[in-house]
N, C-alpha and C. Protein backbone atom coordinates (compact mmCIF):
# COMPACT_ATOMS: atom_id res chain seq x y z
N MET A 1 -23.67 71.87 31.25
CA MET A 1 -22.84 71.75 30.26
C MET A 1 -21.62 70.90 30.72
N ASN A 2 -20.85 69.74 30.21
CA ASN A 2 -19.80 69.43 30.62
C ASN A 2 -18.64 70.00 29.87
N TYR A 3 -17.40 69.66 30.38
CA TYR A 3 -16.33 70.27 29.68
C TYR A 3 -16.10 69.97 28.28
N PHE A 4 -16.22 68.84 28.03
CA PHE A 4 -16.54 68.27 26.47
C PHE A 4 -17.07 69.13 25.52
N GLU A 5 -18.27 69.22 26.13
CA GLU A 5 -19.29 70.06 25.47
C GLU A 5 -18.88 71.60 25.36
N LEU A 6 -18.49 72.02 26.26
CA LEU A 6 -18.16 73.42 26.27
C LEU A 6 -16.86 73.57 25.03
N TYR A 7 -15.96 72.64 25.10
CA TYR A 7 -14.91 72.79 24.16
C TYR A 7 -15.35 72.27 22.63
N GLY A 8 -16.47 71.73 22.51
CA GLY A 8 -16.81 71.03 21.52
C GLY A 8 -16.08 69.70 21.03
N ILE A 9 -15.63 69.06 21.96
CA ILE A 9 -14.64 67.94 21.55
C ILE A 9 -15.42 66.69 22.15
N GLU A 10 -15.10 65.67 21.48
CA GLU A 10 -15.62 64.24 21.83
C GLU A 10 -15.27 63.81 23.34
N GLU A 11 -15.86 63.19 24.03
CA GLU A 11 -15.30 62.71 25.52
C GLU A 11 -14.45 61.62 25.00
N SER A 12 -13.19 61.87 25.56
CA SER A 12 -12.00 61.04 25.34
C SER A 12 -11.10 61.28 26.86
N PHE A 13 -10.34 60.22 27.03
CA PHE A 13 -9.39 60.27 27.92
C PHE A 13 -7.95 60.64 27.34
N ASP A 14 -8.08 60.88 26.12
CA ASP A 14 -6.87 61.37 25.34
C ASP A 14 -7.13 62.56 24.61
N ALA A 15 -7.79 63.60 25.27
CA ALA A 15 -8.21 64.84 24.51
C ALA A 15 -6.91 65.43 23.54
N ASP A 16 -7.03 65.91 22.47
CA ASP A 16 -6.07 66.67 21.65
C ASP A 16 -5.70 67.81 22.65
N GLN A 17 -4.38 67.93 23.05
CA GLN A 17 -3.92 68.91 23.79
C GLN A 17 -3.84 70.15 23.33
N ALA A 18 -3.47 70.05 21.98
CA ALA A 18 -3.44 71.43 21.12
C ALA A 18 -5.03 71.96 20.82
N LEU A 19 -5.80 71.20 20.73
CA LEU A 19 -7.26 71.63 20.41
C LEU A 19 -7.88 72.19 21.83
N VAL A 20 -7.45 71.47 23.03
CA VAL A 20 -8.06 72.00 24.25
C VAL A 20 -7.18 73.35 24.37
N LYS A 21 -5.92 73.56 24.23
CA LYS A 21 -5.23 74.67 24.47
C LYS A 21 -5.99 75.82 23.61
N HIS A 22 -6.24 75.50 22.50
CA HIS A 22 -6.77 76.39 21.34
C HIS A 22 -8.28 76.95 21.82
N LYS A 23 -9.01 75.99 22.20
CA LYS A 23 -10.26 76.00 22.74
C LYS A 23 -10.31 77.04 24.03
N PHE A 24 -9.52 76.80 24.95
CA PHE A 24 -9.00 77.62 26.14
C PHE A 24 -8.88 79.07 25.80
N TYR A 25 -8.04 79.30 24.80
CA TYR A 25 -7.71 80.56 24.50
C TYR A 25 -8.76 81.36 23.76
N GLU A 26 -9.50 80.68 22.98
CA GLU A 26 -10.47 81.23 22.34
C GLU A 26 -11.77 81.57 23.21
N LEU A 27 -12.20 80.61 24.06
CA LEU A 27 -13.21 80.99 25.10
C LEU A 27 -12.83 81.99 26.14
N SER A 28 -11.18 81.97 26.45
CA SER A 28 -10.95 83.01 27.28
C SER A 28 -11.15 84.47 26.85
N LYS A 29 -10.70 84.72 25.54
CA LYS A 29 -11.16 86.12 24.82
C LYS A 29 -12.78 86.29 24.86
N LEU A 30 -13.36 85.09 24.53
CA LEU A 30 -14.91 85.49 24.29
C LEU A 30 -15.52 85.84 25.73
N TYR A 31 -14.93 85.18 26.80
CA TYR A 31 -15.66 85.14 28.12
C TYR A 31 -14.74 86.09 28.96
N HIS A 32 -14.11 87.00 28.47
CA HIS A 32 -13.01 87.79 29.32
C HIS A 32 -14.13 88.84 30.06
N PRO A 33 -14.08 88.79 31.37
CA PRO A 33 -14.96 89.61 31.98
C PRO A 33 -14.75 90.99 31.85
N ASP A 34 -13.61 91.63 31.42
CA ASP A 34 -13.48 92.98 31.01
C ASP A 34 -14.20 93.59 29.87
N PHE A 35 -14.66 92.65 29.09
CA PHE A 35 -15.12 92.93 27.80
C PHE A 35 -16.96 93.18 28.04
N TYR A 36 -17.22 92.96 29.28
CA TYR A 36 -18.63 93.00 29.37
C TYR A 36 -18.84 93.92 30.80
N ILE A 37 -17.94 94.97 30.91
CA ILE A 37 -18.06 95.73 32.25
C ILE A 37 -19.14 96.94 31.99
N ASN A 38 -19.72 97.02 30.71
CA ASN A 38 -20.81 97.94 30.84
C ASN A 38 -22.09 97.25 30.62
N GLU A 39 -22.06 96.00 30.61
CA GLU A 39 -23.20 95.01 30.64
C GLU A 39 -23.82 95.08 31.87
N PRO A 40 -25.40 94.66 31.87
CA PRO A 40 -26.20 94.49 33.18
C PRO A 40 -25.48 93.56 34.04
N GLU A 41 -25.85 93.53 35.24
CA GLU A 41 -25.19 92.78 36.31
C GLU A 41 -25.39 91.21 35.91
N GLU A 42 -26.50 90.76 35.56
CA GLU A 42 -26.84 89.49 35.27
C GLU A 42 -25.79 88.96 34.13
N LYS A 43 -25.68 89.71 33.08
CA LYS A 43 -24.83 89.41 31.87
C LYS A 43 -23.39 89.38 32.34
N GLN A 44 -22.89 90.21 33.32
CA GLN A 44 -21.61 90.00 33.95
C GLN A 44 -21.38 88.83 34.77
N GLN A 45 -22.31 88.61 35.31
CA GLN A 45 -22.14 87.35 36.28
C GLN A 45 -22.40 86.19 35.41
N GLU A 46 -23.19 85.87 34.25
CA GLU A 46 -23.17 84.97 33.45
C GLU A 46 -21.80 84.59 32.61
N ILE A 47 -21.34 85.82 32.18
CA ILE A 47 -19.79 85.87 31.92
C ILE A 47 -18.69 85.25 32.78
N LEU A 48 -18.86 85.85 33.96
CA LEU A 48 -17.97 85.42 34.99
C LEU A 48 -17.98 83.84 35.41
N GLU A 49 -19.23 83.38 35.49
CA GLU A 49 -19.41 81.86 35.44
C GLU A 49 -18.93 81.00 34.18
N LEU A 50 -19.20 81.67 32.91
CA LEU A 50 -18.52 80.87 31.81
C LEU A 50 -16.94 80.97 31.85
N SER A 51 -16.48 82.04 32.39
CA SER A 51 -15.04 82.20 32.61
C SER A 51 -14.29 81.41 33.12
N THR A 52 -15.02 81.30 34.54
CA THR A 52 -14.78 80.26 35.47
C THR A 52 -14.82 78.88 35.00
N LEU A 53 -15.70 78.36 34.31
CA LEU A 53 -16.10 76.91 33.80
C LEU A 53 -14.91 76.76 32.71
N ASN A 54 -14.81 77.76 31.88
CA ASN A 54 -13.58 77.50 30.95
C ASN A 54 -12.08 77.08 31.62
N ASN A 55 -12.12 78.00 32.85
CA ASN A 55 -10.56 77.77 33.57
C ASN A 55 -10.64 76.23 34.10
N LYS A 56 -11.67 76.07 34.86
CA LYS A 56 -11.76 74.78 35.09
C LYS A 56 -11.61 73.34 34.09
N ALA A 57 -12.34 73.80 33.08
CA ALA A 57 -12.28 72.96 31.89
C ALA A 57 -11.15 72.72 31.45
N TYR A 58 -10.34 73.81 31.38
CA TYR A 58 -8.69 73.66 30.79
C TYR A 58 -7.84 73.00 32.12
N GLN A 59 -8.16 73.13 33.31
CA GLN A 59 -7.37 72.44 34.37
C GLN A 59 -7.61 70.97 34.38
N VAL A 60 -8.93 70.49 33.92
CA VAL A 60 -9.09 69.38 34.08
C VAL A 60 -8.47 68.49 32.78
N LEU A 61 -8.89 69.11 31.65
CA LEU A 61 -8.66 68.49 30.33
C LEU A 61 -7.22 68.47 30.03
N SER A 62 -6.51 69.41 30.69
CA SER A 62 -4.95 69.35 30.29
C SER A 62 -4.21 68.29 31.23
N ASP A 63 -4.98 67.59 32.09
CA ASP A 63 -4.19 66.66 32.86
C ASP A 63 -4.94 65.38 32.87
N LYS A 64 -3.96 64.42 32.39
CA LYS A 64 -4.74 62.85 32.18
C LYS A 64 -5.46 62.46 33.35
N ARG A 65 -4.73 62.65 34.50
CA ARG A 65 -5.48 61.96 35.83
C ARG A 65 -6.58 62.66 36.23
N LYS A 66 -6.83 63.98 35.88
CA LYS A 66 -7.98 64.81 36.22
C LYS A 66 -9.00 64.41 35.49
N THR A 67 -8.51 64.47 33.87
CA THR A 67 -9.42 63.95 32.79
C THR A 67 -10.02 62.42 33.31
N THR A 68 -9.34 61.80 33.71
CA THR A 68 -9.91 60.27 33.84
C THR A 68 -10.90 60.42 34.88
N GLU A 69 -10.42 61.18 36.21
CA GLU A 69 -11.53 61.36 37.50
C GLU A 69 -12.77 62.00 37.01
N TYR A 70 -12.73 62.85 36.01
CA TYR A 70 -13.97 63.71 35.58
C TYR A 70 -14.69 62.68 34.84
N ILE A 71 -14.21 62.14 33.79
CA ILE A 71 -15.10 61.02 33.08
C ILE A 71 -15.73 60.04 33.95
N LEU A 72 -14.86 59.52 35.03
CA LEU A 72 -15.60 58.65 35.75
C LEU A 72 -16.77 59.27 36.50
N LYS A 73 -16.53 60.52 36.91
CA LYS A 73 -17.55 61.12 37.73
C LYS A 73 -18.92 61.53 36.77
N LEU A 74 -18.78 61.95 35.70
CA LEU A 74 -19.61 62.16 34.62
C LEU A 74 -20.56 61.05 34.45
N HIS A 75 -20.18 59.85 34.46
CA HIS A 75 -20.78 58.67 34.41
C HIS A 75 -21.08 57.85 35.68
N GLY A 76 -20.87 58.64 36.86
CA GLY A 76 -21.32 58.29 38.08
C GLY A 76 -20.69 57.09 38.77
N LEU A 77 -19.56 57.00 38.33
CA LEU A 77 -18.69 55.96 38.97
C LEU A 77 -17.69 56.29 40.16
N VAL A 78 -17.41 57.62 40.35
CA VAL A 78 -16.86 57.94 41.56
C VAL A 78 -17.60 59.08 42.11
N GLY A 79 -17.61 59.04 43.38
CA GLY A 79 -18.25 60.26 44.17
C GLY A 79 -17.91 60.00 45.64
N GLU A 80 -18.48 60.70 46.31
CA GLU A 80 -18.13 61.09 47.70
C GLU A 80 -18.55 59.71 48.54
N GLY A 81 -17.68 59.39 49.22
CA GLY A 81 -17.95 58.02 50.06
C GLY A 81 -18.03 56.61 49.24
N GLU A 82 -17.46 56.91 48.26
CA GLU A 82 -17.49 55.63 47.12
C GLU A 82 -16.55 54.34 47.66
N LYS A 83 -16.90 53.28 47.65
CA LYS A 83 -15.73 52.32 47.99
C LYS A 83 -15.71 51.37 47.00
N HIS A 84 -14.49 51.14 46.52
CA HIS A 84 -14.20 50.26 45.41
C HIS A 84 -13.32 49.16 45.86
N GLN A 85 -13.65 47.72 45.23
CA GLN A 85 -13.02 46.76 45.84
C GLN A 85 -11.76 46.53 44.85
N LEU A 86 -10.63 46.67 45.54
CA LEU A 86 -9.45 46.34 44.40
C LEU A 86 -9.19 44.96 44.49
N PRO A 87 -8.60 44.47 43.27
CA PRO A 87 -8.54 42.96 43.08
C PRO A 87 -7.71 42.29 44.23
N PRO A 88 -7.67 41.34 44.72
CA PRO A 88 -6.89 40.52 45.83
C PRO A 88 -5.51 40.35 45.36
N GLU A 89 -5.20 40.11 44.15
CA GLU A 89 -3.98 39.89 43.93
C GLU A 89 -3.14 41.23 43.98
N PHE A 90 -3.53 42.20 43.52
CA PHE A 90 -3.16 43.59 43.55
C PHE A 90 -2.89 44.04 45.08
N LEU A 91 -3.98 43.63 45.84
CA LEU A 91 -3.76 43.96 47.30
C LEU A 91 -2.73 43.14 48.07
N MET A 92 -2.57 41.81 47.67
CA MET A 92 -1.41 41.19 48.30
C MET A 92 0.03 41.81 47.85
N ASP A 93 0.04 42.26 46.64
CA ASP A 93 1.20 42.80 46.34
C ASP A 93 1.76 44.09 46.91
N MET A 94 0.58 44.70 47.31
CA MET A 94 0.77 46.01 47.99
C MET A 94 0.86 45.76 49.43
N MET A 95 0.28 44.60 50.11
CA MET A 95 0.56 44.51 51.12
C MET A 95 1.97 44.17 51.69
N ASP A 96 2.63 43.46 50.71
CA ASP A 96 4.05 43.10 50.74
C ASP A 96 4.79 44.30 50.57
N VAL A 97 4.43 45.31 49.63
CA VAL A 97 5.35 46.67 49.70
C VAL A 97 4.95 47.23 50.93
N ASN A 98 3.96 47.31 51.56
CA ASN A 98 3.75 48.15 52.65
C ASN A 98 4.55 47.67 53.89
N GLU A 99 4.64 46.16 53.77
CA GLU A 99 5.32 45.62 54.95
C GLU A 99 6.86 45.85 54.74
N ALA A 100 7.21 46.01 53.52
CA ALA A 100 8.77 46.17 53.25
C ALA A 100 9.09 47.87 53.74
N LEU A 101 7.97 48.69 53.23
CA LEU A 101 7.94 50.02 53.82
C LEU A 101 8.18 50.21 55.33
N MET A 102 7.37 49.22 56.04
CA MET A 102 7.27 49.45 57.49
C MET A 102 8.81 48.81 58.07
N GLU A 103 9.17 47.84 57.52
CA GLU A 103 10.52 47.46 57.83
C GLU A 103 11.77 48.55 57.56
N LEU A 104 11.65 49.30 56.62
CA LEU A 104 12.54 50.32 56.46
C LEU A 104 12.62 51.39 57.19
N GLU A 105 11.36 51.65 57.87
CA GLU A 105 11.20 52.68 58.96
C GLU A 105 12.20 52.51 60.02
N PHE A 106 12.11 50.93 60.50
CA PHE A 106 13.01 50.73 61.49
C PHE A 106 14.37 50.33 61.31
N GLU A 107 14.63 49.68 60.13
CA GLU A 107 16.03 49.43 59.72
C GLU A 107 16.17 49.98 58.27
N PRO A 108 16.60 51.10 57.98
CA PRO A 108 16.69 51.74 56.90
C PRO A 108 17.89 51.04 55.83
N ASP A 109 17.46 50.72 54.71
CA ASP A 109 18.12 50.00 53.67
C ASP A 109 18.16 50.59 52.23
N THR A 110 19.26 51.08 51.75
CA THR A 110 18.92 51.93 50.54
C THR A 110 18.79 51.05 49.40
N GLU A 111 19.41 49.86 49.45
CA GLU A 111 19.13 49.01 48.21
C GLU A 111 17.77 48.39 48.32
N LYS A 112 17.38 48.13 49.39
CA LYS A 112 15.80 47.73 49.71
C LYS A 112 14.88 48.76 48.97
N LEU A 113 15.28 49.91 49.48
CA LEU A 113 14.38 51.20 48.97
C LEU A 113 14.43 51.46 47.63
N ALA A 114 15.60 51.10 47.03
CA ALA A 114 15.61 51.17 45.65
C ALA A 114 14.88 50.11 44.99
N GLU A 115 15.03 48.91 45.18
CA GLU A 115 14.15 47.91 44.97
C GLU A 115 12.61 48.28 44.88
N ILE A 116 12.18 48.62 46.13
CA ILE A 116 10.69 48.94 46.32
C ILE A 116 10.40 50.18 45.33
N ARG A 117 11.21 51.17 44.99
CA ARG A 117 10.94 52.09 44.10
C ARG A 117 10.60 51.49 42.79
N SER A 118 11.76 50.81 42.42
CA SER A 118 11.58 50.07 41.21
C SER A 118 10.30 49.32 40.99
N GLN A 119 10.05 48.44 41.79
CA GLN A 119 8.93 47.70 41.93
C GLN A 119 7.73 48.63 41.43
N VAL A 120 7.48 49.42 42.36
CA VAL A 120 6.31 50.58 42.17
C VAL A 120 6.26 50.97 40.97
N GLU A 121 7.44 51.66 40.20
CA GLU A 121 7.54 52.13 39.01
C GLU A 121 7.07 50.98 38.02
N GLU A 122 7.57 50.02 38.15
CA GLU A 122 7.26 48.92 37.11
C GLU A 122 5.59 48.76 36.97
N LYS A 123 5.20 48.70 38.32
CA LYS A 123 3.89 48.42 38.48
C LYS A 123 3.20 49.69 37.65
N MET A 124 3.36 51.06 37.96
CA MET A 124 2.84 52.07 37.21
C MET A 124 2.98 52.14 35.77
N LYS A 125 4.10 51.49 35.23
CA LYS A 125 3.91 51.47 34.00
C LYS A 125 3.12 50.53 33.32
N GLU A 126 2.91 49.01 33.87
CA GLU A 126 2.04 48.42 33.46
C GLU A 126 0.51 48.91 33.48
N LEU A 127 0.33 49.55 34.52
CA LEU A 127 -0.97 50.23 34.80
C LEU A 127 -1.25 51.27 33.53
N GLU A 128 -0.38 52.06 33.29
CA GLU A 128 -0.25 53.35 32.19
C GLU A 128 -0.60 52.33 31.01
N THR A 129 0.18 51.29 30.60
CA THR A 129 0.05 50.63 29.36
C THR A 129 -1.40 50.03 29.36
N GLU A 130 -1.76 49.59 30.23
CA GLU A 130 -3.08 48.95 30.27
C GLU A 130 -4.15 49.86 29.93
N PHE A 131 -4.12 51.19 30.72
CA PHE A 131 -4.70 52.41 30.50
C PHE A 131 -4.83 52.92 29.08
N LYS A 132 -3.49 52.88 28.45
CA LYS A 132 -3.66 53.33 27.17
C LYS A 132 -4.42 52.42 26.18
N SER A 133 -4.37 51.23 26.39
CA SER A 133 -5.26 50.18 25.63
C SER A 133 -6.48 50.51 25.70
N LEU A 134 -6.98 50.56 27.17
CA LEU A 134 -8.64 50.67 27.27
C LEU A 134 -9.01 52.10 27.00
N SER A 135 -8.41 53.09 27.10
CA SER A 135 -8.46 54.35 26.61
C SER A 135 -8.78 54.53 25.11
N GLY A 136 -7.86 53.84 24.49
CA GLY A 136 -8.11 53.76 22.90
C GLY A 136 -9.07 53.24 22.46
N ARG A 137 -9.54 52.01 23.19
CA ARG A 137 -10.75 51.23 22.95
C ARG A 137 -12.01 52.16 23.18
N TYR A 138 -12.00 52.86 24.30
CA TYR A 138 -12.89 53.55 24.57
C TYR A 138 -13.71 54.59 23.59
N ALA A 139 -12.66 55.11 22.79
CA ALA A 139 -13.08 56.14 21.81
C ALA A 139 -13.79 55.41 20.68
N SER A 140 -13.47 54.08 20.43
CA SER A 140 -14.03 53.48 19.28
C SER A 140 -15.10 52.51 19.67
N GLU A 141 -15.45 52.22 21.02
CA GLU A 141 -16.37 51.29 21.37
C GLU A 141 -17.82 51.82 21.53
N SER A 142 -18.91 51.19 21.06
CA SER A 142 -20.34 51.66 21.25
C SER A 142 -20.75 51.45 22.67
N SER A 143 -20.37 50.36 22.93
CA SER A 143 -20.77 49.95 24.61
C SER A 143 -19.61 50.32 25.54
N LYS A 144 -19.62 51.48 26.17
CA LYS A 144 -18.44 51.82 26.99
C LYS A 144 -18.30 51.53 28.40
N ASP A 145 -19.72 50.91 28.81
CA ASP A 145 -19.79 50.62 30.32
C ASP A 145 -18.78 49.59 30.85
N GLU A 146 -18.35 48.49 30.16
CA GLU A 146 -17.37 47.71 30.52
C GLU A 146 -16.07 48.14 30.65
N ILE A 147 -15.70 48.97 29.56
CA ILE A 147 -14.24 49.58 29.52
C ILE A 147 -14.19 50.56 30.74
N LEU A 148 -15.43 51.54 30.96
CA LEU A 148 -15.23 52.37 32.09
C LEU A 148 -15.06 51.70 33.49
N GLN A 149 -15.69 50.50 33.53
CA GLN A 149 -15.57 49.77 34.70
C GLN A 149 -14.06 49.39 34.99
N GLN A 150 -13.39 49.04 33.95
CA GLN A 150 -11.95 48.67 33.84
C GLN A 150 -11.11 49.73 34.05
N ILE A 151 -11.23 50.95 33.65
CA ILE A 151 -10.57 52.09 33.66
C ILE A 151 -11.00 52.63 35.13
N LEU A 152 -12.10 52.30 35.75
CA LEU A 152 -12.35 52.72 37.15
C LEU A 152 -11.26 51.74 38.10
N ASP A 153 -11.25 50.55 37.80
CA ASP A 153 -10.43 49.46 38.56
C ASP A 153 -8.91 50.24 38.47
N LEU A 154 -8.50 50.68 37.28
CA LEU A 154 -7.03 50.95 37.15
C LEU A 154 -7.02 52.11 37.66
N TRP A 155 -7.88 53.35 37.60
CA TRP A 155 -7.75 54.59 38.30
C TRP A 155 -7.53 54.25 39.74
N HIS A 156 -8.37 53.45 40.27
CA HIS A 156 -8.04 53.17 41.87
C HIS A 156 -6.86 52.60 42.20
N ARG A 157 -6.33 51.79 41.33
CA ARG A 157 -5.02 50.91 41.63
C ARG A 157 -3.93 52.04 41.45
N GLN A 158 -3.89 52.95 40.37
CA GLN A 158 -3.03 54.06 40.23
C GLN A 158 -3.12 54.89 41.46
N LYS A 159 -4.00 55.23 41.85
CA LYS A 159 -4.13 56.12 43.14
C LYS A 159 -3.47 55.49 44.46
N TYR A 160 -3.71 54.26 44.55
CA TYR A 160 -3.04 53.54 45.50
C TYR A 160 -1.63 53.55 45.52
N LEU A 161 -0.87 53.29 44.18
CA LEU A 161 0.34 53.26 43.83
C LEU A 161 0.74 54.90 44.13
N LEU A 162 -0.03 56.03 43.93
CA LEU A 162 0.50 57.07 44.03
C LEU A 162 1.03 57.38 45.57
N ARG A 163 -0.06 56.91 46.25
CA ARG A 163 -0.01 57.06 47.72
C ARG A 163 1.35 56.27 48.15
N ILE A 164 1.80 55.25 47.76
CA ILE A 164 2.90 54.52 48.27
C ILE A 164 4.13 55.18 47.47
N LYS A 165 4.13 55.63 46.31
CA LYS A 165 5.27 56.57 45.90
C LYS A 165 5.38 57.86 46.75
N ASP A 166 4.30 58.41 47.34
CA ASP A 166 4.31 59.57 48.16
C ASP A 166 4.95 59.35 49.52
N SER A 167 4.80 57.88 49.93
CA SER A 167 5.44 57.47 51.08
C SER A 167 6.85 57.32 50.86
N LEU A 168 7.11 56.51 49.80
CA LEU A 168 8.63 56.43 49.24
C LEU A 168 9.29 57.84 49.34
N SER A 169 8.73 58.77 48.94
CA SER A 169 9.58 60.10 48.81
C SER A 169 10.08 60.76 50.01
N LYS A 170 9.38 59.97 51.16
CA LYS A 170 9.67 60.41 52.50
C LYS A 170 10.81 60.01 52.99
N PHE A 171 11.47 58.75 52.34
CA PHE A 171 12.31 58.22 52.70
C PHE A 171 13.72 59.03 51.91
N VAL A 172 14.75 59.13 52.71
CA VAL A 172 15.87 59.69 52.19
C VAL A 172 16.91 58.66 51.60
N ALA A 173 17.11 58.60 50.24
CA ALA A 173 17.90 57.41 49.73
C ALA A 173 19.23 57.89 49.83
């Protein structure tokens, strides 16, 4: 049973957060281990597993990045050792950013650092806008494979940018 089935909601990148929270609390009460203390060991174990599943489902479905990764995993698009080829133009842009970061290590420049941060933030916003468009179409399209491939590409680019943002955070502005 996947997390969407557990919560009785449609698979979506934009799950209704109020509904997710409501289902979490509802199932937390239903599967609370303390209510099954007098049950046989097998039943207690089953309830504990359902309680754990509920907690994991809430952690994933209440975080957009985790939800995206979860859906991609459900469809077999993300896995251990999986290699994804990023678009060449994106890689060229990121190579320029990485070179600028290396230069900053040797020659700190607060203006250049601010410029790079701004560039990365702008790219993140572009990807987020594209993601919102695709995730909105995902809910209404009957053929989801092409959209999932595009979302997979966006997800990898976002991960790449998040690593760069992490590198940027190590510089003192």
